[in-house]
Protein backbone atom coordinates (compact mmCIF):
# COMPACT_ATOMS: atom_id res chain seq x y z
CA MET A 1 12.01 1.75 -12.15
CA GLY A 2 14.65 -0.88 -12.62
CA GLY A 3 12.25 -3.82 -12.50
CA ALA A 4 9.62 -2.34 -14.78
CA ASP A 5 12.30 -1.20 -17.17
CA SER A 6 13.79 -4.67 -17.41
CA ILE A 7 10.40 -6.09 -18.33
CA LEU A 8 9.69 -3.60 -21.08
CA GLU A 9 13.24 -3.70 -22.40
CA ALA A 10 12.71 -7.41 -23.07
CA ALA A 11 9.40 -6.65 -24.75
CA GLU A 12 11.05 -3.99 -26.88
CA ALA A 13 13.61 -6.50 -28.07
CA ARG A 14 10.89 -9.06 -28.90
CA PRO A 15 7.56 -7.37 -29.72
CA ASP A 16 5.91 -10.77 -30.12
CA VAL A 17 6.05 -11.45 -26.39
CA ILE A 18 3.62 -8.66 -25.49
CA ASP A 19 0.01 -7.97 -26.45
CA GLN A 20 0.03 -4.79 -28.53
CA SER A 21 -3.41 -3.80 -27.18
CA ARG A 22 -1.63 -3.07 -23.89
CA LEU A 23 0.57 -0.36 -25.37
CA ASP A 24 0.03 3.33 -25.97
CA PRO A 25 0.41 3.67 -29.76
CA HIS A 26 2.43 6.87 -29.27
CA VAL A 27 5.17 5.05 -27.34
CA ARG A 28 8.35 4.74 -29.40
CA SER A 29 10.80 3.50 -26.79
CA LEU A 30 9.35 1.13 -24.23
CA ARG A 31 12.53 1.26 -22.19
CA SER A 32 12.50 5.05 -21.81
CA HIS A 33 8.73 5.07 -21.36
CA ALA A 34 8.93 2.63 -18.47
CA ALA A 35 11.88 4.26 -16.74
CA ARG A 36 10.73 7.86 -16.98
CA GLY A 37 7.04 7.15 -16.63
CA THR A 38 7.46 4.96 -13.57
CA LEU A 39 9.76 7.35 -11.73
CA ILE A 40 7.90 10.56 -12.57
CA ASN A 41 4.42 9.18 -12.01
CA SER A 42 5.44 7.33 -8.87
CA SER A 43 6.78 10.61 -7.52
CA PHE A 44 3.48 12.26 -8.41
CA GLN A 45 1.49 9.56 -6.64
CA LEU A 46 3.89 9.72 -3.71
CA GLY A 47 2.69 13.28 -3.24
CA VAL A 48 -0.92 12.06 -3.17
CA VAL A 49 -0.11 9.43 -0.55
CA GLY A 50 1.80 12.02 1.46
CA LEU A 51 -1.19 14.34 1.24
CA GLY A 52 -3.38 11.65 2.75
CA THR A 53 -0.90 11.10 5.57
CA LEU A 54 -0.79 14.86 6.16
CA GLN A 55 -4.59 14.82 6.44
CA ARG A 56 -4.57 12.05 9.05
CA LEU A 57 -1.91 13.78 11.10
CA ALA A 58 -3.40 17.27 10.69
CA VAL A 59 -6.89 16.32 11.82
CA ALA A 60 -5.34 14.82 14.95
CA ALA A 61 -4.49 18.40 15.94
CA TRP A 62 -8.17 19.44 15.70
CA LEU A 63 -9.95 16.33 16.97
CA THR A 64 -9.94 15.03 20.51
CA ARG A 65 -8.47 11.59 21.18
CA THR A 66 -12.00 10.22 21.61
CA GLU A 67 -13.21 11.73 18.31
CA TYR A 68 -10.14 10.41 16.55
CA GLY A 69 -10.76 7.02 18.15
CA LEU A 70 -14.35 6.96 16.85
CA TRP A 71 -13.11 7.85 13.39
CA GLY A 72 -10.53 5.06 13.65
CA LEU A 73 -13.32 2.68 14.64
CA LEU A 74 -15.41 3.74 11.64
CA ILE A 75 -12.66 3.64 9.05
CA GLY A 76 -11.25 0.41 10.44
CA THR A 77 -14.65 -1.28 10.27
CA LEU A 78 -15.40 -0.19 6.71
CA ILE A 79 -11.92 -0.80 5.36
CA THR A 80 -11.93 -4.33 6.67
CA LEU A 81 -15.40 -4.94 5.27
CA THR A 82 -14.10 -3.61 1.96
CA THR A 83 -11.44 -6.32 1.91
CA LEU A 84 -14.26 -8.78 1.18
CA LYS A 85 -14.98 -6.84 -2.01
CA GLN A 86 -11.36 -6.52 -3.10
CA VAL A 87 -11.19 -9.87 -4.86
CA GLY A 88 -9.02 -8.79 -7.78
CA VAL A 89 -11.57 -7.71 -10.40
CA ALA A 90 -9.27 -4.90 -11.55
CA ASP A 91 -6.22 -7.18 -11.43
CA LYS A 92 -7.95 -9.82 -13.53
CA TYR A 93 -9.08 -7.19 -16.02
CA ILE A 94 -5.47 -6.07 -16.43
CA GLN A 95 -4.35 -9.68 -16.87
CA GLN A 96 -6.93 -10.74 -19.50
CA ASN A 97 -6.25 -10.61 -23.24
CA GLU A 98 -9.71 -10.72 -24.83
CA PRO A 99 -9.92 -9.58 -28.48
CA ASP A 100 -12.81 -7.19 -27.72
CA GLN A 101 -11.45 -4.93 -25.00
CA GLU A 102 -14.58 -2.78 -24.75
CA ALA A 103 -16.66 -5.88 -23.99
CA ALA A 104 -14.01 -7.05 -21.52
CA PHE A 105 -14.23 -3.74 -19.68
CA GLU A 106 -18.03 -3.78 -19.60
CA LYS A 107 -18.02 -7.27 -18.07
CA ALA A 108 -15.43 -6.28 -15.48
CA PHE A 109 -17.33 -3.07 -14.64
CA THR A 110 -20.55 -5.07 -14.19
CA LEU A 111 -18.86 -7.34 -11.65
CA GLU A 112 -17.26 -4.40 -9.84
CA LEU A 113 -20.52 -2.47 -9.58
CA GLY A 114 -22.39 -5.54 -8.37
CA LEU A 115 -19.81 -6.22 -5.67
CA SER A 116 -19.86 -2.55 -4.62
CA VAL A 117 -23.64 -2.42 -4.25
CA ALA A 118 -23.59 -5.72 -2.35
CA PHE A 119 -20.95 -4.26 -0.05
CA PHE A 120 -23.14 -1.26 0.75
CA VAL A 121 -26.12 -3.49 1.57
CA VAL A 122 -23.95 -5.66 3.83
CA ALA A 123 -22.52 -2.56 5.53
CA VAL A 124 -26.00 -1.21 6.28
CA LEU A 125 -27.00 -4.55 7.79
CA VAL A 126 -23.91 -5.23 9.89
CA LEU A 127 -23.01 -1.75 11.16
CA PRO A 128 -25.65 -1.93 13.94
CA LEU A 129 -24.13 -5.26 14.98
CA TYR A 130 -20.66 -3.72 15.10
CA ALA A 131 -22.03 -0.82 17.13
CA LEU A 132 -23.52 -3.30 19.58
CA VAL A 133 -20.24 -5.22 19.88
CA TYR A 134 -18.14 -2.07 20.28
CA GLY A 135 -20.67 -0.39 22.55
CA HIS A 136 -20.78 2.82 20.46
CA ALA A 137 -24.20 3.34 18.85
CA GLN A 138 -23.10 6.74 17.52
CA MET A 139 -21.06 5.02 14.79
CA ILE A 140 -24.11 3.67 12.88
CA LEU A 141 -25.27 6.76 10.95
CA PRO A 142 -21.82 8.12 10.01
CA GLY A 143 -20.78 4.58 9.08
CA ILE A 144 -23.68 4.16 6.65
CA VAL A 145 -22.94 7.54 5.06
CA LEU A 146 -19.25 6.69 4.73
CA ALA A 147 -20.12 3.33 3.12
CA LEU A 148 -21.65 5.23 0.17
CA THR A 149 -18.12 5.91 -1.05
CA VAL A 150 -17.76 2.30 -2.22
CA PRO A 151 -20.58 2.25 -4.83
CA LEU A 152 -19.35 5.64 -6.00
CA THR A 153 -15.80 4.37 -6.54
CA ALA A 154 -17.13 1.65 -8.86
CA PHE A 155 -17.61 4.46 -11.37
CA GLU A 156 -13.88 5.17 -11.17
CA SER A 157 -13.32 1.85 -12.99
CA PRO A 158 -12.46 3.63 -16.30
CA SER A 159 -9.08 4.41 -14.72
CA TRP A 160 -8.27 0.72 -15.31
CA ILE A 161 -8.21 1.31 -19.08
CA PRO A 162 -5.15 3.61 -19.26
CA TYR A 163 -3.58 1.48 -16.53
CA ARG A 164 -3.75 -1.63 -18.73
CA ARG A 165 -2.34 0.39 -21.65
CA MET A 166 0.54 1.60 -19.45
CA GLN A 167 -0.58 5.21 -19.89
CA TYR A 168 0.76 6.00 -16.45
CA ALA A 169 0.36 9.78 -16.47
CA ARG A 170 -3.30 9.62 -17.47
CA GLN A 171 -4.05 6.85 -14.98
CA ARG A 172 -2.32 8.69 -12.14
CA LEU A 173 -4.19 11.89 -12.97
CA LEU A 174 -7.56 10.13 -12.90
CA THR A 175 -6.87 8.34 -9.62
CA ALA A 176 -5.62 11.55 -8.00
CA ILE A 177 -8.97 13.34 -8.30
CA ASP A 178 -10.54 11.39 -5.44
CA PRO A 179 -7.83 11.81 -2.75
CA VAL A 180 -6.99 15.42 -3.60
CA THR A 181 -10.65 16.46 -3.41
CA SER A 182 -11.15 14.44 -0.24
CA VAL A 183 -8.17 15.98 1.56
CA THR A 184 -9.10 19.52 0.53
CA VAL A 185 -12.72 19.24 1.67
CA THR A 186 -11.81 17.34 4.84
CA LEU A 187 -9.23 19.83 6.08
CA ALA A 188 -11.54 22.76 5.36
CA LEU A 189 -14.45 21.20 7.26
CA VAL A 190 -12.47 19.83 10.21
CA ALA A 191 -10.64 23.13 10.67
CA SER A 192 -14.01 24.90 10.78
CA GLY A 193 -15.19 22.65 13.62
CA ALA A 194 -17.12 19.91 11.80
CA GLY A 195 -15.38 17.17 13.80
CA TYR A 196 -15.25 13.65 12.37
CA TRP A 197 -18.22 14.50 10.13
CA GLY A 198 -15.81 16.68 8.17
CA MET A 199 -13.77 13.59 7.33
CA ILE A 200 -16.88 11.66 6.27
CA ILE A 201 -18.20 14.44 4.03
CA GLY A 202 -14.70 14.89 2.59
CA ALA A 203 -14.52 11.19 1.67
CA ILE A 204 -17.93 11.36 -0.06
CA ALA A 205 -16.90 14.47 -1.99
CA GLY A 206 -13.68 12.83 -3.15
CA SER A 207 -15.40 9.66 -4.36
CA ALA A 208 -18.09 11.64 -6.19
CA ALA A 209 -15.53 13.87 -7.92
CA GLY A 210 -13.40 10.90 -8.96
CA ALA A 211 -16.42 9.01 -10.30
CA LEU A 212 -17.63 12.02 -12.28
CA VAL A 213 -14.27 12.68 -13.95
CA CYS A 214 -13.55 9.01 -14.73
CA THR A 215 -17.01 8.44 -16.20
CA ALA A 216 -16.91 11.61 -18.30
CA THR A 217 -13.50 10.79 -19.80
CA SER A 218 -13.94 7.02 -20.31
CA PRO A 219 -13.18 5.77 -23.85
CA TYR A 220 -15.71 2.97 -23.29
CA ARG A 221 -19.35 3.22 -22.30
CA LEU A 222 -20.21 2.21 -18.74
CA ARG A 223 -22.71 -0.42 -19.78
CA LEU A 224 -23.79 -3.54 -17.88
CA ARG A 225 -22.79 -6.81 -19.55
CA PHE A 226 -23.08 -10.01 -17.52
CA ASP A 227 -21.38 -13.18 -18.78
CA ARG A 228 -21.32 -16.51 -16.91
CA GLY A 229 -18.04 -17.59 -18.49
CA THR A 230 -16.37 -14.40 -17.34
CA LEU A 231 -17.82 -14.89 -13.88
CA ARG A 232 -16.27 -18.39 -13.69
CA GLU A 233 -12.92 -17.12 -14.95
CA TYR A 234 -12.83 -14.27 -12.47
CA SER A 235 -14.00 -16.56 -9.66
CA SER A 236 -11.13 -19.02 -10.11
CA PHE A 237 -8.72 -16.12 -9.81
CA SER A 238 -10.55 -14.38 -7.01
CA LEU A 239 -11.73 -17.07 -4.57
CA PRO A 240 -8.34 -17.41 -2.82
CA LEU A 241 -8.22 -13.62 -2.64
CA PHE A 242 -11.69 -13.60 -1.10
CA GLY A 243 -10.49 -16.08 1.52
CA ALA A 244 -7.49 -13.87 2.19
CA GLY A 245 -9.78 -10.87 2.55
CA LEU A 246 -12.03 -12.75 4.95
CA SER A 247 -9.03 -13.67 7.11
CA ALA A 248 -7.89 -10.05 7.09
CA LEU A 249 -11.39 -8.99 8.09
CA VAL A 250 -11.29 -11.29 11.12
CA VAL A 251 -7.87 -10.01 12.17
CA ILE A 252 -8.59 -6.29 11.86
CA GLN A 253 -12.10 -6.44 13.27
CA GLY A 254 -10.90 -8.74 16.03
CA THR A 255 -8.21 -6.21 16.87
CA LEU A 256 -10.78 -3.43 17.13
CA VAL A 257 -13.08 -5.54 19.30
CA VAL A 258 -10.27 -6.57 21.65
CA ALA A 259 -8.90 -3.02 21.73
CA SER A 260 -12.31 -1.55 22.56
CA HIS A 261 -12.47 -3.82 25.61
CA THR A 262 -8.84 -3.46 26.71
CA VAL A 263 -7.59 0.05 25.85
CA GLY A 264 -10.79 2.02 25.04
CA LEU A 265 -11.29 4.68 22.39
CA ALA A 266 -8.20 6.61 23.49
CA GLY A 267 -6.09 3.49 23.01
CA ILE A 268 -7.69 2.84 19.62
CA GLY A 269 -6.82 6.42 18.71
CA ALA A 270 -3.18 5.80 19.65
CA ILE A 271 -3.11 2.61 17.59
CA GLY A 272 -4.75 4.40 14.66
CA LEU A 273 -2.24 7.25 14.82
CA ALA A 274 0.72 4.87 14.91
CA THR A 275 -0.56 2.73 12.06
CA ASN A 276 -0.57 5.81 9.83
CA VAL A 277 3.11 5.00 9.33
CA ALA A 278 2.23 1.55 8.03
CA THR A 279 -0.53 3.04 5.89
CA PHE A 280 1.94 5.47 4.33
CA THR A 281 4.63 2.87 3.57
CA ASP A 282 2.08 0.42 2.19
CA GLY A 283 0.54 3.18 0.09
CA VAL A 284 3.86 4.21 -1.43
CA ASP A 285 4.85 0.62 -2.12
CA SER A 286 1.51 -0.04 -3.80
CA ILE A 287 2.43 2.73 -6.24
CA VAL A 288 5.45 0.76 -7.42
CA SER A 289 3.43 -2.46 -7.59
CA GLN A 290 0.55 -0.87 -9.49
CA THR A 291 2.92 0.76 -11.94
CA ILE A 292 4.71 -2.41 -12.99
CA TYR A 293 1.73 -4.79 -12.77
CA PRO A 294 0.55 -4.37 -16.40
CA ALA A 295 4.09 -5.03 -17.63
CA VAL A 296 4.45 -8.04 -15.35
CA CYS A 297 1.21 -9.53 -16.68
CA ALA A 298 2.34 -8.92 -20.26
CA VAL A 299 5.46 -11.10 -19.88
CA ALA A 300 4.41 -13.40 -17.03
CA HIS A 301 5.81 -16.43 -18.88
CA ARG A 302 9.37 -15.02 -18.92
CA MET A 303 10.63 -16.05 -15.50
CA GLU A 304 14.12 -14.55 -15.72
CA VAL A 305 12.72 -11.12 -16.51
CA LEU A 306 10.21 -11.45 -13.67
CA ALA A 307 12.95 -12.45 -11.22
CA GLU A 308 14.99 -9.36 -12.03
CA ALA A 309 11.93 -7.13 -11.80
CA PHE A 310 10.94 -8.55 -8.43
CA VAL A 311 14.32 -8.14 -6.76
CA LYS A 312 15.12 -4.73 -8.20
CA SER A 313 11.72 -3.19 -7.53
CA ASN A 314 11.92 -4.38 -3.93
CA ARG A 315 15.45 -3.03 -3.52
CA ILE A 316 14.33 0.34 -4.83
CA ALA A 317 11.42 0.42 -2.39
CA LEU A 318 13.62 -0.55 0.53
CA MET A 319 16.06 2.25 -0.30
CA TRP A 320 13.48 4.71 1.00
CA ALA A 321 11.27 2.54 3.24
CA ALA A 322 13.98 1.42 5.66
CA PRO A 323 15.39 4.94 6.28
CA PHE A 324 11.85 6.31 6.54
CA ALA A 325 10.82 3.76 9.17
CA VAL A 326 13.95 4.24 11.26
CA GLY A 327 13.68 8.01 10.88
CA VAL A 328 10.10 8.01 12.17
CA ALA A 329 11.22 5.93 15.14
CA LEU A 330 14.15 8.26 15.89
CA PHE A 331 12.09 11.43 15.68
CA ALA A 332 8.75 10.14 17.01
CA GLY A 333 9.15 12.05 20.27
CA ASP A 334 9.83 15.31 18.43
CA LEU A 335 6.90 14.76 16.06
CA ILE A 336 4.50 14.25 18.94
CA HIS A 337 5.88 17.01 21.19
CA LEU A 338 6.40 19.68 18.53
CA VAL A 339 3.60 18.90 16.03
CA LEU A 340 0.78 16.74 17.39
CA GLY A 341 0.80 17.94 20.97
CA ASP A 342 1.70 16.42 24.33
CA ARG A 343 -1.73 14.82 24.71
CA TRP A 344 -0.42 12.18 22.29
CA ARG A 345 2.73 11.52 24.37
CA PRO A 346 1.40 8.15 25.67
CA ALA A 347 1.41 6.97 22.04
CA THR A 348 5.17 7.50 21.60
CA GLY A 349 6.13 3.91 22.38
CA ILE A 350 3.69 2.30 19.97
CA PHE A 351 4.59 4.92 17.35
CA VAL A 352 8.23 3.79 17.49
CA ALA A 353 7.39 0.07 17.52
CA VAL A 354 4.96 0.23 14.61
CA ALA A 355 7.37 2.37 12.57
CA LEU A 356 10.21 -0.14 12.90
CA THR A 357 7.91 -3.07 12.18
CA SER A 358 6.54 -1.29 9.11
CA GLY A 359 10.06 -0.97 7.77
CA LEU A 360 10.58 -4.72 8.13
CA SER A 361 7.26 -5.42 6.42
CA GLN A 362 8.55 -3.86 3.19
CA VAL A 363 10.91 -6.78 2.58
CA ALA A 364 9.50 -8.62 -0.47
CA PHE A 365 6.41 -6.41 -0.11
CA ASN A 366 5.36 -6.88 -3.76
CA TRP A 367 5.29 -10.67 -3.78
CA GLN A 368 1.50 -10.62 -4.15
CA LEU A 369 1.83 -8.74 -7.42
CA PHE A 370 3.99 -11.45 -8.97
CA MET A 371 1.88 -14.29 -7.61
CA ARG A 372 -1.21 -12.75 -9.19
CA ALA A 373 0.58 -12.18 -12.48
CA VAL A 374 1.51 -15.88 -12.77
CA ASN A 375 -2.01 -16.87 -11.62
CA ARG A 376 -0.89 -18.40 -8.32
CA THR A 377 -3.19 -16.80 -5.79
CA ARG A 378 -3.38 -19.75 -3.38
CA PRO A 379 -0.15 -18.75 -1.51
CA LEU A 380 -1.80 -15.43 -0.67
CA PHE A 381 -4.59 -17.31 1.06
CA VAL A 382 -2.07 -19.46 2.96
CA ALA A 383 -0.27 -16.32 4.16
CA SER A 384 -3.55 -14.83 5.37
CA ILE A 385 -4.34 -17.99 7.33
CA ALA A 386 -0.91 -17.78 8.96
CA ASN A 387 -1.68 -14.19 9.91
CA LEU A 388 -4.96 -15.35 11.44
CA VAL A 389 -3.13 -17.97 13.53
CA VAL A 390 -0.67 -15.37 14.84
CA PHE A 391 -3.55 -13.08 15.73
CA PHE A 392 -5.25 -15.67 17.93
CA ALA A 393 -2.04 -17.13 19.36
CA VAL A 394 -0.10 -13.92 20.01
CA SER A 395 -1.99 -10.67 19.44
CA ILE A 396 -5.14 -11.32 21.49
CA PRO A 397 -3.34 -12.65 24.60
CA ALA A 398 -0.75 -9.86 24.35
CA MET A 399 -3.38 -7.11 24.13
CA TYR A 400 -5.24 -8.45 27.16
CA ALA A 401 -1.96 -8.70 29.07
CA PHE A 402 -0.18 -5.51 27.98
CA GLY A 403 -2.75 -3.28 26.24
CA VAL A 404 -1.37 -1.05 23.49
CA ALA A 405 2.11 -2.55 23.88
CA GLY A 406 0.57 -5.97 23.29
CA TYR A 407 -0.83 -4.75 19.98
CA ALA A 408 2.67 -3.70 18.93
CA ALA A 409 4.04 -7.12 19.90
CA GLY A 410 1.36 -8.91 17.89
CA PHE A 411 1.96 -6.66 14.89
CA ALA A 412 5.68 -7.46 15.02
CA ALA A 413 5.08 -11.21 15.32
CA ALA A 414 2.70 -11.21 12.36
CA THR A 415 5.17 -9.23 10.25
CA ILE A 416 8.02 -11.65 10.96
CA VAL A 417 5.86 -14.61 9.94
CA GLN A 418 4.73 -12.86 6.75
CA VAL A 419 8.28 -11.98 5.69
CA ALA A 420 9.36 -15.59 6.27
CA LEU A 421 6.48 -16.90 4.13
CA ARG A 422 7.23 -14.43 1.35
CA GLY A 423 10.83 -15.56 1.33
CA TRP A 424 9.83 -19.22 1.13
CA TYR A 425 7.30 -18.82 -1.69
CA MET A 426 9.44 -16.44 -3.74
CA ARG A 427 12.44 -18.75 -3.39
CA LYS A 428 10.29 -21.47 -4.96
CA LEU A 429 9.37 -19.13 -7.81
CA PHE A 430 12.79 -17.47 -8.20
CA ARG A 431 15.54 -19.76 -6.96
CA GLY A 432 18.10 -16.94 -6.74
CA PHE A 433 16.07 -14.96 -4.18
CA ARG A 434 17.29 -14.76 -0.56
CA VAL A 435 14.99 -12.88 1.80
CA VAL A 436 17.65 -12.50 4.53
CA ARG A 437 20.11 -11.01 2.06
CA GLN A 438 17.43 -8.60 0.88
CA MET A 439 16.72 -7.57 4.48
CA LEU A 440 20.38 -7.01 5.38
CA ARG A 441 20.92 -4.97 2.22
CA ALA A 442 18.02 -2.72 3.24
CA ILE A 443 19.29 -2.18 6.79
CA ALA A 444 22.90 -1.45 5.87
CA PRO A 445 22.56 2.20 4.67
CA THR A 446 20.36 3.11 7.65
CA LEU A 447 22.60 1.89 10.48
CA PRO A 448 25.35 4.55 10.16
CA ALA A 449 22.77 7.35 9.89
CA ALA A 450 20.91 6.20 13.00
CA ALA A 451 24.20 5.76 14.87
CA VAL A 452 25.30 9.32 14.06
CA VAL A 453 22.03 10.77 15.39
CA VAL A 454 22.20 8.71 18.58
CA ILE A 455 25.81 9.81 19.19
CA VAL A 456 24.87 13.47 18.68
CA ARG A 457 22.04 13.13 21.20
CA VAL A 458 24.29 11.47 23.76
CA LEU A 459 26.97 14.16 23.44
CA ALA A 460 24.58 17.13 23.27
CA SER A 461 22.68 18.56 26.21
CA GLY A 462 19.72 20.88 26.77
CA GLN A 463 16.04 20.88 25.89
CA ARG A 464 14.68 19.48 22.65
CA SER A 465 13.65 22.26 20.27
CA ALA A 466 12.39 22.51 16.73
CA PRO A 467 15.71 23.85 15.30
CA ARG A 468 17.64 21.06 17.01
CA ALA A 469 15.25 18.39 15.73
CA ILE A 470 15.42 19.81 12.20
CA ALA A 471 19.23 19.88 12.29
CA GLU A 472 19.39 16.28 13.48
CA PHE A 473 16.93 15.21 10.81
CA ALA A 474 18.99 16.96 8.12
CA LEU A 475 22.11 15.19 9.39
CA TYR A 476 20.28 11.86 9.33
CA ALA A 477 19.06 12.45 5.76
CA VAL A 478 22.53 13.38 4.48
CA VAL A 479 24.15 10.29 6.01
CA VAL A 480 21.38 8.08 4.60
CA VAL A 481 21.92 9.47 1.08
CA VAL A 482 25.68 8.98 1.27
CA ALA A 483 25.39 5.48 2.72
CA THR A 484 22.78 4.50 0.12
CA TRP A 485 25.13 5.62 -2.63
CA VAL A 486 27.92 3.54 -1.12
CA PHE A 487 25.86 0.36 -0.74
CA GLU A 488 23.58 0.68 -3.79
CA ARG A 489 25.76 2.60 -6.25
CA ALA A 490 25.20 0.20 -9.14
CA LEU A 491 21.41 0.26 -8.89
CA VAL A 492 21.25 4.04 -8.39
CA SER A 493 23.55 4.56 -11.38
CA GLU A 494 21.31 2.31 -13.45
CA LEU A 495 18.25 4.37 -12.52
CA PHE A 496 19.97 7.65 -13.40
CA ALA A 497 21.11 6.19 -16.72
CA TYR A 498 17.54 5.26 -17.59
CA MET A 499 16.38 8.74 -16.65
CA ARG A 500 18.96 10.21 -19.05
CA GLY A 501 17.68 7.93 -21.80
CA ARG A 502 20.79 5.75 -21.88
CA ARG A 503 21.10 1.97 -21.75
CA PRO A 504 23.14 1.15 -18.63
CA GLN A 505 25.40 -1.80 -18.03
CA ARG A 506 23.32 -4.14 -15.88
CA SER A 507 24.18 -7.32 -14.06
CA TRP A 508 21.75 -9.92 -12.80
CA THR A 509 22.44 -13.07 -10.83
CA GLY A 510 18.92 -14.19 -9.92
CA ILE A 511 18.03 -17.69 -11.10
CA PRO A 512 14.36 -18.46 -11.81
CA ALA A 513 12.94 -21.62 -10.36
CA GLY A 514 13.46 -24.63 -12.55
CA GLN A 515 16.95 -23.57 -13.69
CA SER A 516 20.27 -24.50 -12.18
CA SER A 517 22.53 -22.12 -10.35
CA SER A 518 26.26 -22.15 -10.40
CA ALA A 519 26.46 -20.08 -7.26
């Protein structure tokens, strides 16, 4: 995409600024490789993320609200526990420049496997405590089985190797094995009446398949190699991330505890269904971040290039994220009535609220990527502490007072605070960045499309039907495309030029921190 392409174009002009061990030796044009590889492989991974969202929505049609709520309780518990393990081992491996890359991988794999096994032990010990707090003893056994996926995914670490080398197609193919297998097995089992156990077995099958393929195709041996110096180096990078993960654990687990006492399993199911929107947008945005991260690390000392990459990659993400979020909000009622079933109708309000908030959360979404690349992980910890404060000050009181609606209010408050912090920190790093300007630019193409749909609904009469909803959605999509072209013509033209293998005329007005601006 535009940001990744700018980074590698600079590297192509000056080969001395990038570690050659990071490059596929078959790459002749870094600029074309970045542009085409990022767009094509991001589209491929977008399909994988969409497949996962389809799974979560499809199983809702086969599971009861209580079963779906129990699954939400399980997955929420384990995902938040997993945040304690996600301390940036893979990120640090991508960032390092050791002369012996096989040894570097073995040391990183050793740390990842150790953390994964430790996670499983912790999960086995604390799941009974969670069951006691939630009041649902039936979550213990399926939770322990589901936790086995984490040690298995440690053997998917060989996918880091092509990632560091910017071999995007190979890396995407390896990482797709797990989710594709999981979705296929899950849908088959749930449709046959296996209930939430179908989702658990599907997750295990996906992790096992991914581990098997990654291990079999790894260019390096999966050998244990412990080194104290490496441990210290990784720890200095990871400790703030661990603190951030711990704060996230408190927030998410606290939400589940409060929800279990205020809205019950049915309410948790509604919250889980609505947050699928946030999961989808975050998943798609992580594709962009993951794609450009190796390039960002390679030229982390070139602030002007990083500034352009940050702003452009975020603009590209917002070109789809903002219309998607507003579109989900506009058509939430149709999605529930025509697809999921009227038993989910009470979740319509939170579905709309979470969708709109998720759109806002995409502003400067990839700031963490750039902070990690320049080895400034402390701001990520500060942001997580701010999120913790909002949770206790806003979310908990709101959920006790208003139930599911209170959750939506707390989610919105936390998002506003996070966007403000991102803007402040990124303005310090890149002086030309303006978070409000970025937000307004994202909203602009969506407003006319939403207005047209609202006007059509006001003027039209009669019952809502599938053909009518499809026609309105098509109208919305067309207006979004036209408006995006009007507001973002230069950036879209630049992307198409890269796809055609041409060097476009680009303009950039961002000023990295530490330089003066004439604006």
